[in-house]
Protein backbone atom coordinates (compact mmCIF):
# COMPACT_ATOMS: atom_id res chain seq x y z
CA TYR A 1 169.14 182.70 -81.08
CA ALA A 2 172.79 182.71 -82.14
CA GLY A 3 175.02 185.16 -80.31
CA GLU A 4 176.88 185.84 -77.07
CA TYR A 5 175.07 185.99 -73.73
CA GLU A 6 176.74 187.60 -70.71
CA PHE A 7 175.94 186.21 -67.26
CA GLY A 8 178.50 188.41 -65.52
CA PRO A 9 182.14 189.46 -65.79
CA GLY A 10 184.04 186.69 -67.55
CA ALA A 11 180.97 184.44 -67.87
CA LEU A 12 179.91 184.29 -71.53
CA LEU A 13 177.83 181.62 -73.22
CA THR A 14 177.98 181.56 -77.02
CA ILE A 15 175.18 180.00 -79.06
CA ARG A 16 176.14 179.00 -82.61
CA GLN A 17 174.01 177.64 -85.40
CA GLU A 18 175.49 174.84 -87.51
CA GLY A 19 173.01 173.75 -90.13
CA ASP A 20 169.78 172.97 -88.29
CA ARG A 21 171.52 172.47 -84.91
CA LEU A 22 172.20 174.97 -82.12
CA LEU A 23 175.38 174.55 -80.08
CA ALA A 24 176.29 176.19 -76.76
CA GLU A 25 179.78 176.76 -75.34
CA ALA A 26 181.25 178.90 -72.57
CA THR A 27 183.59 181.35 -74.30
CA GLY A 28 184.48 183.69 -71.46
CA GLU A 29 187.10 183.28 -68.75
CA ARG A 30 184.81 181.13 -66.58
CA ALA A 31 182.54 178.15 -67.03
CA VAL A 32 178.80 178.77 -67.05
CA TYR A 33 177.34 175.90 -64.98
CA GLY A 34 177.64 172.76 -67.15
CA PHE A 35 179.12 174.68 -70.09
CA HIS A 36 182.92 174.91 -70.38
CA ARG A 37 185.45 176.42 -72.77
CA GLY A 38 186.46 174.13 -75.61
CA ARG A 39 183.38 171.90 -75.38
CA GLN A 40 180.22 172.53 -77.39
CA TRP A 41 176.91 170.97 -76.39
CA GLU A 42 173.87 170.69 -78.62
CA ILE A 43 170.70 172.35 -77.34
CA SER A 44 167.37 170.95 -78.53
CA PRO A 45 164.04 172.80 -78.57
CA THR A 46 161.22 171.76 -76.26
CA SER A 47 159.08 174.77 -77.27
CA GLN A 48 159.57 177.95 -79.30
CA LEU A 49 161.73 179.59 -76.60
CA ASP A 50 162.76 176.67 -74.37
CA PHE A 51 165.71 174.36 -75.02
CA PHE A 52 167.30 171.36 -73.33
CA SER A 53 171.07 170.92 -73.23
CA GLU A 54 172.86 167.66 -73.94
CA ASN A 55 175.50 168.55 -71.30
CA PRO A 56 175.87 166.26 -68.24
CA ARG A 57 173.78 168.61 -66.05
CA GLY A 58 170.91 168.66 -68.56
CA ASP A 59 170.69 172.44 -68.24
CA ARG A 60 167.59 174.14 -69.62
CA LEU A 61 167.67 177.45 -71.48
CA ARG A 62 164.80 179.87 -72.10
CA PHE A 63 165.35 182.68 -74.59
CA VAL A 64 163.82 186.09 -73.89
CA ARG A 65 162.27 188.30 -76.60
CA ASP A 66 161.46 192.01 -76.52
CA GLY A 67 158.35 193.77 -77.86
CA ARG A 68 159.79 193.65 -81.39
CA ASN A 69 160.25 189.87 -81.14
CA ARG A 70 164.07 190.17 -81.03
CA VAL A 71 166.01 187.82 -78.75
CA THR A 72 167.52 189.99 -76.01
CA GLY A 73 168.65 187.44 -73.44
CA LEU A 74 168.25 184.01 -71.96
CA THR A 75 167.62 182.38 -68.62
CA LEU A 76 169.59 179.31 -67.64
CA ASN A 77 167.49 176.78 -65.71
CA PRO A 78 164.36 178.99 -65.54
CA GLY A 79 162.34 178.89 -62.36
CA PRO A 80 162.80 180.37 -58.90
CA TRP A 81 166.61 180.03 -59.08
CA GLY A 82 167.16 180.79 -62.78
CA ILE A 83 170.22 182.77 -63.86
CA SER A 84 169.62 185.51 -66.44
CA ALA A 85 171.96 186.77 -69.13
CA ARG A 86 171.71 189.60 -71.61
CA LYS A 87 172.56 189.18 -75.27
CA THR A 88 175.64 191.27 -75.99
CA PRO A 89 175.24 194.15 -78.45
CA ARG A 90 177.90 192.76 -80.79
CA SER A 91 175.96 189.54 -81.39
């Protein structure tokens, strides 16, 4: 899951693994909903692809896999108004 996810110009969310924890932080020029530069939030699994954020908004993340089972993107707050991001090639 670790890598950079691009929601649009200047809107990057970076997922890092530290030990057995996953952390999310906005690393682009802009915040990504409840994620901001300089502040990492732990994300906890609720299923194999779904995670819950510890940020004040309680954002949910759903990772997307391709036919080869590689993570290629994520959706923030999945549902009718979810926002999709692609995993950047360098991550």
